[in-house]
Amino acid sequence: KDQDKSRQLGAIRNLKDKNKPFDFLAAVIFSPDYSIQLAALIPHAVVIRLAKLQTHTNSHRFMLTDDVWNAPEVKDITEELKAVVLG
């Protein structure tokens, strides 16, 4: 995996609403040349489990650490995306 161990995504609002805002969070990490380095589909339940509430912004912060890829519910889609890009 990448040497960078943590990557903060943008603020996620309404994460715990009963009408959840998404089923999966799609995350893509790009290399310096903008090629796909890593990509994953992360279920809503995993995001809830790992995100931290930020009361001052009324949102949740999700850190896309390398450990996220090791969660059994997370689907690594790196190779599938690379195949689409490369055709």
Protein backbone atom coordinates (compact mmCIF):
# COMPACT_ATOMS: atom_id res chain seq x y z
CA LYS A 1 0.00 0.00 0.00
CA ASP A 2 0.87 3.67 -0.12
CA GLN A 3 3.42 5.19 2.28
CA ASP A 4 0.86 7.80 3.35
CA LYS A 5 -0.98 6.12 6.23
CA SER A 6 -3.95 8.45 6.56
CA ARG A 7 -6.01 10.52 4.19
CA GLN A 8 -8.85 12.70 5.42
CA LEU A 9 -11.88 12.85 3.18
CA GLY A 10 -14.23 15.80 3.04
CA ALA A 11 -16.84 16.34 5.73
CA ILE A 12 -19.68 13.82 5.65
CA ARG A 13 -22.98 15.29 6.77
CA ASN A 14 -26.16 13.48 7.81
CA LEU A 15 -24.22 10.22 8.13
CA LYS A 16 -26.54 8.76 10.75
CA ASP A 17 -29.86 9.94 9.27
CA LYS A 18 -32.49 7.21 9.09
CA ASN A 19 -32.56 7.82 5.33
CA LYS A 20 -28.86 7.14 4.98
CA PRO A 21 -27.20 9.42 2.41
CA PHE A 22 -25.41 6.54 0.60
CA ASP A 23 -25.01 2.76 0.57
CA PHE A 24 -21.31 2.75 -0.33
CA LEU A 25 -18.60 5.38 -0.21
CA ALA A 26 -16.38 5.08 -3.29
CA ALA A 27 -12.82 6.13 -2.53
CA VAL A 28 -10.01 6.52 -5.05
CA ILE A 29 -6.40 7.42 -4.29
CA PHE A 30 -4.43 8.79 -7.21
CA SER A 31 -0.68 8.65 -7.77
CA PRO A 32 1.21 11.89 -8.49
CA ASP A 33 0.71 11.24 -12.24
CA TYR A 34 -3.08 10.89 -11.64
CA SER A 35 -3.11 7.17 -12.31
CA ILE A 36 -5.21 5.08 -9.96
CA GLN A 37 -3.21 3.83 -7.01
CA LEU A 38 -5.97 2.40 -4.81
CA ALA A 39 -9.76 2.26 -4.98
CA ALA A 40 -12.42 0.77 -2.74
CA LEU A 41 -16.15 0.55 -2.13
CA ILE A 42 -16.76 1.09 1.57
CA PRO A 43 -20.18 0.16 2.99
CA HIS A 44 -22.13 2.78 4.94
CA ALA A 45 -21.89 0.67 8.11
CA VAL A 46 -18.07 0.69 7.94
CA VAL A 47 -18.02 4.46 7.44
CA ILE A 48 -20.27 4.91 10.49
CA ARG A 49 -18.05 2.61 12.55
CA LEU A 50 -14.82 4.41 11.63
CA ALA A 51 -15.92 8.04 11.21
CA LYS A 52 -15.53 10.55 14.03
CA LEU A 53 -18.13 13.20 14.84
CA GLN A 54 -16.85 16.77 14.48
CA THR A 55 -19.26 18.83 16.57
CA HIS A 56 -17.86 22.18 15.46
CA THR A 57 -18.81 21.43 11.83
CA ASN A 58 -21.79 19.14 12.57
CA SER A 59 -20.26 16.50 10.33
CA HIS A 60 -18.25 13.30 10.47
CA ARG A 61 -14.59 12.96 9.55
CA PHE A 62 -13.50 9.76 7.82
CA MET A 63 -9.82 8.91 7.60
CA LEU A 64 -9.03 6.65 4.67
CA THR A 65 -6.24 4.72 6.33
CA ASP A 66 -4.56 1.69 4.82
CA ASP A 67 -6.43 -0.39 7.44
CA VAL A 68 -9.74 0.42 5.74
CA TRP A 69 -8.73 -1.91 2.88
CA ASN A 70 -8.32 -4.74 5.41
CA ALA A 71 -11.91 -4.53 6.69
CA PRO A 72 -13.70 -7.66 5.44
CA GLU A 73 -16.74 -5.68 4.23
CA VAL A 74 -14.67 -3.34 2.06
CA LYS A 75 -14.29 -4.27 -1.59
CA ASP A 76 -10.96 -3.36 -3.17
CA ILE A 77 -11.81 -2.30 -6.74
CA THR A 78 -8.37 -1.06 -7.71
CA GLU A 79 -7.79 -3.57 -10.50
CA GLU A 80 -11.32 -3.19 -11.91
CA LEU A 81 -10.92 0.59 -12.21
CA LYS A 82 -7.46 0.29 -13.69
CA ALA A 83 -8.82 -2.12 -16.30
CA VAL A 84 -11.56 0.34 -17.29
CA VAL A 85 -9.09 3.21 -17.56
CA LEU A 86 -6.63 1.17 -19.60
CA GLY A 87 -9.38 -0.28 -21.74
